[in-house]
Amino acid sequence: SAERWALDLLRTEVLRAAVVVTGDARGPDSWSITVARTTGRRWASYALDGLVRRGHDVPVAWTTDAPPTRRDGRALWAAWCLHRDRAIVRDAARAHAAGRSVRVLALVAPWSTTHGTEYTVARAEAAGLGVVVRAFGG
């Protein structure tokens, strides 16, 4: 199944990482955090509420902007999601500039209608980060 394939890939990649950084979407984002927790890796999840959660640490803000509500409309919510994706890339690029090894793993779902992963990949590549793209199912 696509989920089994993704979980196997994530286990392999998470074991290579010192820190796993992801968003907070269902699927690969949440699976990455679960794998990080079970393998003892540090992790950070950039949530759409404007906070970064790191295990038992106190959450910190990734933005000073207030998130819209879904009632504010689909376009504003979609823009907010991309704002969060830019924040992840921004912070990864800063870590890379500070000498840390950064590898971006993108699991692309062909059936996704948001294309947030593809957007984030383009931003990461533009920032000069190493990116590995894998499509679900192969």
Foldseek 3Di string as FASTA:
>chain_A
DLLVVLLVVLLVVLVVDQEAEEEPDPGNRVSNVVSCVVVVHWYWYCYLQQWIDTPPDDIDGLDPDGQDDCVVDDVSNLVSLLVSLLSSLVVLLVCVVVPDQDEAEAEAEPPDPSCSSVSSVVSNVVSVHHYDYHYRPD
